[in-house]
Amino acid sequence: MTLSPLALWAKGKGFEKPVAQPARSYPAHDIHTDEKVGMAADPYDVAPKSDLFPKNLIDAGFLPVFFVISNDGDQPVSIANVEITLITRHGSKLTPIAPDDIYRRLSNPQANTHPAPSPIPLPRRKVKDTVSKKEMDDIESALFAARAVEPHNTQSGFLFFDAGGIEQPLSGASIEITRVADSNGHELLYFELPMDKYLNAK
């Protein structure tokens, strides 16, 4: 019998990232047929999906989003400089936060972790505080950290947005992705992932 990621977590065996499906398989997706690149976002905002992460992370206001990029073309796609922004229905712009900021919030719930817009964060030096090593390892193993997507391949991982204090952050929101480039360095058209498509599918 194969255990689910949630069961593995419960048994103390650590985080196991979900297996990504092609981007078009998710309700909130945007497929560029001509460029042969697709992107999707699958929020882990409510149970049982949110149970994949420690309860204190969800209670602290973090919104985990499983991010998927599929490349159906014959050339690699560069996402080394990709910029990802969650835009709420009220116009607030949230960018994925770095691990250090997650750890600070978990240790100090009053800490401000809303960053200025920046490319997706990569794992950085760990902060020494009350967050356990296992929690830090699980969070960093979950992160989306790819720099490129090879031909006929899919890359995936989690983005964490600080949605603390925002009521219904997904309703009417969208995730916009820019600065994706082809193998010649030419920037692709931006991608837009409407979160209402995800909410309606639920």
C-alpha atoms as a PDB file:
ATOM      1  CA  MET A   1       0.000   0.000   0.000  1.00  0.00           C
ATOM      2  CA  THR A   2       1.338   3.475  -0.927  1.00  0.00           C
ATOM      3  CA  LEU A   3       0.944   6.079   1.787  1.00  0.00           C
ATOM      4  CA  SER A   4      -0.300   9.559   0.918  1.00  0.00           C
ATOM      5  CA  PRO A   5       1.913  12.593   1.689  1.00  0.00           C
ATOM      6  CA  LEU A   6      -0.398  13.408   4.632  1.00  0.00           C
ATOM      7  CA  ALA A   7      -0.008   9.888   6.034  1.00  0.00           C
ATOM      8  CA  LEU A   8       3.760  10.088   5.687  1.00  0.00           C
ATOM      9  CA  TRP A   9       3.765  13.401   7.547  1.00  0.00           C
ATOM     10  CA  ALA A  10       1.632  11.947  10.311  1.00  0.00           C
ATOM     11  CA  LYS A  11       4.050   9.045  10.672  1.00  0.00           C
ATOM     12  CA  GLY A  12       6.932  11.478  11.095  1.00  0.00           C
ATOM     13  CA  LYS A  13       8.624  10.526   7.833  1.00  0.00           C
ATOM     14  CA  GLY A  14       8.861  14.103   6.620  1.00  0.00           C
ATOM     15  CA  PHE A  15       7.392  16.063   3.772  1.00  0.00           C
ATOM     16  CA  GLU A  16       6.738  14.380   0.433  1.00  0.00           C
ATOM     17  CA  LYS A  17       5.890  16.741  -2.407  1.00  0.00           C
ATOM     18  CA  PRO A  18       2.766  15.901  -4.448  1.00  0.00           C
ATOM     19  CA  VAL A  19       3.357  14.421  -7.877  1.00  0.00           C
ATOM     20  CA  ALA A  20       2.743  17.130 -10.463  1.00  0.00           C
ATOM     21  CA  GLN A  21       0.330  16.572 -13.313  1.00  0.00           C
ATOM     22  CA  PRO A  22       0.511  18.506 -16.617  1.00  0.00           C
ATOM     23  CA  ALA A  23      -0.472  22.146 -16.090  1.00  0.00           C
ATOM     24  CA  ARG A  24      -3.677  21.800 -18.107  1.00  0.00           C
ATOM     25  CA  SER A  25      -4.908  19.214 -15.574  1.00  0.00           C
ATOM     26  CA  TYR A  26      -5.486  21.885 -12.908  1.00  0.00           C
ATOM     27  CA  PRO A  27      -8.533  24.207 -12.920  1.00  0.00           C
ATOM     28  CA  ALA A  28      -6.457  27.400 -12.574  1.00  0.00           C
ATOM     29  CA  HIS A  29      -4.146  27.207 -15.573  1.00  0.00           C
ATOM     30  CA  ASP A  30      -2.950  29.227 -18.528  1.00  0.00           C
ATOM     31  CA  ILE A  31      -1.660  27.425 -21.618  1.00  0.00           C
ATOM     32  CA  HIS A  32       0.298  29.228 -24.343  1.00  0.00           C
ATOM     33  CA  THR A  33      -0.339  26.890 -27.262  1.00  0.00           C
ATOM     34  CA  ASP A  34       2.026  28.636 -29.675  1.00  0.00           C
ATOM     35  CA  GLU A  35       4.863  28.713 -27.140  1.00  0.00           C
ATOM     36  CA  LYS A  36       4.016  25.214 -25.869  1.00  0.00           C
ATOM     37  CA  VAL A  37       4.285  26.266 -22.244  1.00  0.00           C
ATOM     38  CA  GLY A  38       1.605  25.920 -19.583  1.00  0.00           C
ATOM     39  CA  MET A  39       1.367  27.028 -15.972  1.00  0.00           C
ATOM     40  CA  ALA A  40      -1.004  26.170 -13.157  1.00  0.00           C
ATOM     41  CA  ALA A  41      -1.595  26.993  -9.507  1.00  0.00           C
ATOM     42  CA  ASP A  42      -3.264  24.692  -7.000  1.00  0.00           C
ATOM     43  CA  PRO A  43      -3.780  26.366  -3.587  1.00  0.00           C
ATOM     44  CA  TYR A  44      -3.551  24.218  -0.465  1.00  0.00           C
ATOM     45  CA  ASP A  45      -5.841  26.561   1.454  1.00  0.00           C
ATOM     46  CA  VAL A  46      -8.262  24.207   3.181  1.00  0.00           C
ATOM     47  CA  ALA A  47      -8.261  20.732   4.715  1.00  0.00           C
ATOM     48  CA  PRO A  48      -7.493  18.033   3.847  1.00  0.00           C
ATOM     49  CA  LYS A  49      -4.959  19.552   1.436  1.00  0.00           C
ATOM     50  CA  SER A  50      -3.695  22.138   3.912  1.00  0.00           C
ATOM     51  CA  ASP A  51      -3.031  19.299   6.385  1.00  0.00           C
ATOM     52  CA  LEU A  52       0.067  18.540   4.327  1.00  0.00           C
ATOM     53  CA  PHE A  53       1.750  21.373   6.255  1.00  0.00           C
ATOM     54  CA  PRO A  54       2.201  22.009   9.991  1.00  0.00           C
ATOM     55  CA  LYS A  55      -0.851  23.618  11.536  1.00  0.00           C
ATOM     56  CA  ASN A  56       1.175  26.531  12.900  1.00  0.00           C
ATOM     57  CA  LEU A  57       2.175  27.523   9.354  1.00  0.00           C
ATOM     58  CA  ILE A  58      -1.459  27.761   8.209  1.00  0.00           C
ATOM     59  CA  ASP A  59      -2.539  29.463  11.449  1.00  0.00           C
ATOM     60  CA  ALA A  60       0.190  32.079  10.924  1.00  0.00           C
ATOM     61  CA  GLY A  61      -1.571  33.230   7.741  1.00  0.00           C
ATOM     62  CA  PHE A  62       0.564  31.540   5.115  1.00  0.00           C
ATOM     63  CA  LEU A  63      -1.092  30.382   1.905  1.00  0.00           C
ATOM     64  CA  PRO A  64       0.714  27.436   0.248  1.00  0.00           C
ATOM     65  CA  VAL A  65       0.213  27.235  -3.516  1.00  0.00           C
ATOM     66  CA  PHE A  66       1.412  24.276  -5.573  1.00  0.00           C
ATOM     67  CA  PHE A  67       2.921  25.826  -8.708  1.00  0.00           C
ATOM     68  CA  VAL A  68       3.353  23.818 -11.914  1.00  0.00           C
ATOM     69  CA  ILE A  69       5.117  24.658 -15.196  1.00  0.00           C
ATOM     70  CA  SER A  70       4.859  22.300 -18.173  1.00  0.00           C
ATOM     71  CA  ASN A  71       7.099  22.634 -21.222  1.00  0.00           C
ATOM     72  CA  ASP A  72       5.747  20.710 -24.209  1.00  0.00           C
ATOM     73  CA  GLY A  73       8.247  22.251 -26.619  1.00  0.00           C
ATOM     74  CA  ASP A  74      11.572  20.980 -27.928  1.00  0.00           C
ATOM     75  CA  GLN A  75      13.703  23.671 -26.254  1.00  0.00           C
ATOM     76  CA  PRO A  76      14.271  24.473 -22.567  1.00  0.00           C
ATOM     77  CA  VAL A  77      12.454  27.356 -20.903  1.00  0.00           C
ATOM     78  CA  SER A  78      14.305  29.638 -18.490  1.00  0.00           C
ATOM     79  CA  ILE A  79      12.608  30.669 -15.252  1.00  0.00           C
ATOM     80  CA  ALA A  80      15.784  31.928 -13.562  1.00  0.00           C
ATOM     81  CA  ASN A  81      14.371  35.471 -13.410  1.00  0.00           C
ATOM     82  CA  VAL A  82      10.672  34.635 -13.157  1.00  0.00           C
ATOM     83  CA  GLU A  83       8.455  36.992 -11.193  1.00  0.00           C
ATOM     84  CA  ILE A  84       5.250  35.701  -9.600  1.00  0.00           C
ATOM     85  CA  THR A  85       2.603  37.950  -8.047  1.00  0.00           C
ATOM     86  CA  LEU A  86      -0.686  37.116  -6.375  1.00  0.00           C
ATOM     87  CA  ILE A  87      -3.028  40.053  -6.974  1.00  0.00           C
ATOM     88  CA  THR A  88      -6.077  40.117  -4.713  1.00  0.00           C
ATOM     89  CA  ARG A  89      -9.469  41.467  -5.737  1.00  0.00           C
ATOM     90  CA  HIS A  90      -8.657  44.649  -3.790  1.00  0.00           C
ATOM     91  CA  GLY A  91      -5.406  45.168  -5.669  1.00  0.00           C
ATOM     92  CA  SER A  92      -2.967  43.979  -3.000  1.00  0.00           C
ATOM     93  CA  LYS A  93       0.129  42.436  -4.560  1.00  0.00           C
ATOM     94  CA  LEU A  94       1.722  39.510  -2.740  1.00  0.00           C
ATOM     95  CA  THR A  95       4.951  37.840  -3.792  1.00  0.00           C
ATOM     96  CA  PRO A  96       6.254  34.464  -2.594  1.00  0.00           C
ATOM     97  CA  ILE A  97       8.200  34.857   0.600  1.00  0.00           C
ATOM     98  CA  ALA A  98      11.600  33.447   1.495  1.00  0.00           C
ATOM     99  CA  PRO A  99      12.119  30.670   4.055  1.00  0.00           C
ATOM    100  CA  ASP A 100      13.762  33.012   6.580  1.00  0.00           C
ATOM    101  CA  ASP A 101      10.620  35.159   6.634  1.00  0.00           C
ATOM    102  CA  ILE A 102       8.464  32.081   7.208  1.00  0.00           C
ATOM    103  CA  TYR A 103      10.621  31.049  10.155  1.00  0.00           C
ATOM    104  CA  ARG A 104      10.490  34.544  11.654  1.00  0.00           C
ATOM    105  CA  ARG A 105       6.700  34.600  11.459  1.00  0.00           C
ATOM    106  CA  LEU A 106       6.384  31.139  12.986  1.00  0.00           C
ATOM    107  CA  SER A 107       8.622  32.273  15.843  1.00  0.00           C
ATOM    108  CA  ASN A 108       7.026  35.717  16.137  1.00  0.00           C
ATOM    109  CA  PRO A 109       3.429  35.826  14.829  1.00  0.00           C
ATOM    110  CA  GLN A 110       3.503  39.660  14.919  1.00  0.00           C
ATOM    111  CA  ALA A 111       6.451  39.881  12.507  1.00  0.00           C
ATOM    112  CA  ASN A 112       5.837  41.657   9.203  1.00  0.00           C
ATOM    113  CA  THR A 113       6.737  39.398   6.311  1.00  0.00           C
ATOM    114  CA  HIS A 114       5.133  41.264   3.417  1.00  0.00           C
ATOM    115  CA  PRO A 115       8.109  41.785   1.058  1.00  0.00           C
ATOM    116  CA  ALA A 116       8.619  44.087  -1.882  1.00  0.00           C
ATOM    117  CA  PRO A 117       8.096  42.388  -5.280  1.00  0.00           C
ATOM    118  CA  SER A 118      11.008  40.134  -6.179  1.00  0.00           C
ATOM    119  CA  PRO A 119      11.760  36.911  -8.079  1.00  0.00           C
ATOM    120  CA  ILE A 120      10.738  33.631  -6.467  1.00  0.00           C
ATOM    121  CA  PRO A 121      12.775  32.924  -3.344  1.00  0.00           C
ATOM    122  CA  LEU A 122      15.328  30.146  -3.156  1.00  0.00           C
ATOM    123  CA  PRO A 123      16.371  28.430   0.073  1.00  0.00           C
ATOM    124  CA  ARG A 124      18.677  30.675   2.126  1.00  0.00           C
ATOM    125  CA  ARG A 125      20.539  30.558   5.426  1.00  0.00           C
ATOM    126  CA  LYS A 126      18.268  29.239   8.167  1.00  0.00           C
ATOM    127  CA  VAL A 127      17.261  31.484  11.043  1.00  0.00           C
ATOM    128  CA  LYS A 128      18.092  30.185  14.497  1.00  0.00           C
ATOM    129  CA  ASP A 129      14.915  30.482  16.505  1.00  0.00           C
ATOM    130  CA  THR A 130      12.129  28.313  17.852  1.00  0.00           C
ATOM    131  CA  VAL A 131      11.289  26.611  14.534  1.00  0.00           C
ATOM    132  CA  SER A 132      12.428  22.996  14.582  1.00  0.00           C
ATOM    133  CA  LYS A 133      14.981  21.681  12.109  1.00  0.00           C
ATOM    134  CA  LYS A 134      12.370  19.254  10.777  1.00  0.00           C
ATOM    135  CA  GLU A 135       9.942  22.094  10.065  1.00  0.00           C
ATOM    136  CA  MET A 136      12.662  24.033   8.253  1.00  0.00           C
ATOM    137  CA  ASP A 137      13.731  21.003   6.243  1.00  0.00           C
ATOM    138  CA  ASP A 138      10.131  20.225   5.279  1.00  0.00           C
ATOM    139  CA  ILE A 139       9.427  23.788   4.172  1.00  0.00           C
ATOM    140  CA  GLU A 140      12.595  24.041   2.104  1.00  0.00           C
ATOM    141  CA  SER A 141      12.020  20.660   0.466  1.00  0.00           C
ATOM    142  CA  ALA A 142       8.537  21.852  -0.523  1.00  0.00           C
ATOM    143  CA  LEU A 143       9.686  25.086  -2.200  1.00  0.00           C
ATOM    144  CA  PHE A 144       9.549  25.682  -5.913  1.00  0.00           C
ATOM    145  CA  ALA A 145      13.218  26.132  -6.728  1.00  0.00           C
ATOM    146  CA  ALA A 146      13.604  25.251 -10.426  1.00  0.00           C
ATOM    147  CA  ARG A 147      15.620  27.567 -12.668  1.00  0.00           C
ATOM    148  CA  ALA A 148      14.594  25.991 -15.979  1.00  0.00           C
ATOM    149  CA  VAL A 149      12.108  23.531 -17.452  1.00  0.00           C
ATOM    150  CA  GLU A 150      13.585  21.007 -19.854  1.00  0.00           C
ATOM    151  CA  PRO A 151      11.782  20.022 -23.093  1.00  0.00           C
ATOM    152  CA  HIS A 152       8.737  17.804 -22.576  1.00  0.00           C
ATOM    153  CA  ASN A 153       9.069  18.090 -18.823  1.00  0.00           C
ATOM    154  CA  THR A 154       7.219  19.571 -15.846  1.00  0.00           C
ATOM    155  CA  GLN A 155       8.626  21.380 -12.817  1.00  0.00           C
ATOM    156  CA  SER A 156       6.677  21.959  -9.630  1.00  0.00           C
ATOM    157  CA  GLY A 157       6.887  23.045  -6.029  1.00  0.00           C
ATOM    158  CA  PHE A 158       5.201  25.221  -3.447  1.00  0.00           C
ATOM    159  CA  LEU A 159       5.077  28.990  -3.210  1.00  0.00           C
ATOM    160  CA  PHE A 160       4.148  30.520   0.140  1.00  0.00           C
ATOM    161  CA  PHE A 161       2.251  33.809   0.250  1.00  0.00           C
ATOM    162  CA  ASP A 162       1.730  35.822   3.426  1.00  0.00           C
ATOM    163  CA  ALA A 163      -2.038  36.271   3.316  1.00  0.00           C
ATOM    164  CA  GLY A 164      -2.412  37.041   7.005  1.00  0.00           C
ATOM    165  CA  GLY A 165      -5.161  39.597   7.641  1.00  0.00           C
ATOM    166  CA  ILE A 166      -6.583  39.314   4.100  1.00  0.00           C
ATOM    167  CA  GLU A 167     -10.163  38.049   4.062  1.00  0.00           C
ATOM    168  CA  GLN A 168     -10.752  35.434   1.360  1.00  0.00           C
ATOM    169  CA  PRO A 169      -7.441  36.131  -0.415  1.00  0.00           C
ATOM    170  CA  LEU A 170      -8.255  33.844  -3.373  1.00  0.00           C
ATOM    171  CA  SER A 171     -11.716  35.175  -4.250  1.00  0.00           C
ATOM    172  CA  GLY A 172     -11.406  37.365  -7.341  1.00  0.00           C
ATOM    173  CA  ALA A 173      -7.627  37.062  -7.243  1.00  0.00           C
ATOM    174  CA  SER A 174      -5.173  36.027  -9.926  1.00  0.00           C
ATOM    175  CA  ILE A 175      -1.560  34.939 -10.057  1.00  0.00           C
ATOM    176  CA  GLU A 176       0.516  36.659 -12.723  1.00  0.00           C
ATOM    177  CA  ILE A 177       3.821  35.270 -13.981  1.00  0.00           C
ATOM    178  CA  THR A 178       6.303  37.302 -16.012  1.00  0.00           C
ATOM    179  CA  ARG A 179       9.946  37.151 -17.122  1.00  0.00           C
ATOM    180  CA  VAL A 180       9.814  33.609 -18.480  1.00  0.00           C
ATOM    181  CA  ALA A 181      12.217  33.247 -21.410  1.00  0.00           C
ATOM    182  CA  ASP A 182      12.780  30.782 -24.238  1.00  0.00           C
ATOM    183  CA  SER A 183      16.142  29.197 -25.046  1.00  0.00           C
ATOM    184  CA  ASN A 184      17.151  32.294 -27.034  1.00  0.00           C
ATOM    185  CA  GLY A 185      16.470  34.639 -24.138  1.00  0.00           C
ATOM    186  CA  HIS A 186      13.260  36.035 -25.627  1.00  0.00           C
ATOM    187  CA  GLU A 187      10.642  36.750 -22.978  1.00  0.00           C
ATOM    188  CA  LEU A 188       7.337  34.922 -23.331  1.00  0.00           C
ATOM    189  CA  LEU A 189       3.978  36.626 -22.929  1.00  0.00           C
ATOM    190  CA  TYR A 190       2.849  36.843 -19.326  1.00  0.00           C
ATOM    191  CA  PHE A 191       0.726  34.089 -17.775  1.00  0.00           C
ATOM    192  CA  GLU A 192      -2.390  34.731 -15.698  1.00  0.00           C
ATOM    193  CA  LEU A 193      -3.961  32.141 -13.410  1.00  0.00           C
ATOM    194  CA  PRO A 194      -7.476  33.136 -12.225  1.00  0.00           C
ATOM    195  CA  MET A 195      -8.092  31.808  -8.733  1.00  0.00           C
ATOM    196  CA  ASP A 196     -11.858  31.840  -9.225  1.00  0.00           C
ATOM    197  CA  LYS A 197     -11.413  28.889 -11.598  1.00  0.00           C
ATOM    198  CA  TYR A 198      -9.907  26.961  -8.706  1.00  0.00           C
ATOM    199  CA  LEU A 199     -12.628  28.071  -6.269  1.00  0.00           C
ATOM    200  CA  ASN A 200     -15.431  27.235  -8.676  1.00  0.00           C
ATOM    201  CA  ALA A 201     -13.974  23.779  -9.311  1.00  0.00           C
ATOM    202  CA  LYS A 202     -14.066  23.025  -5.575  1.00  0.00           C
END
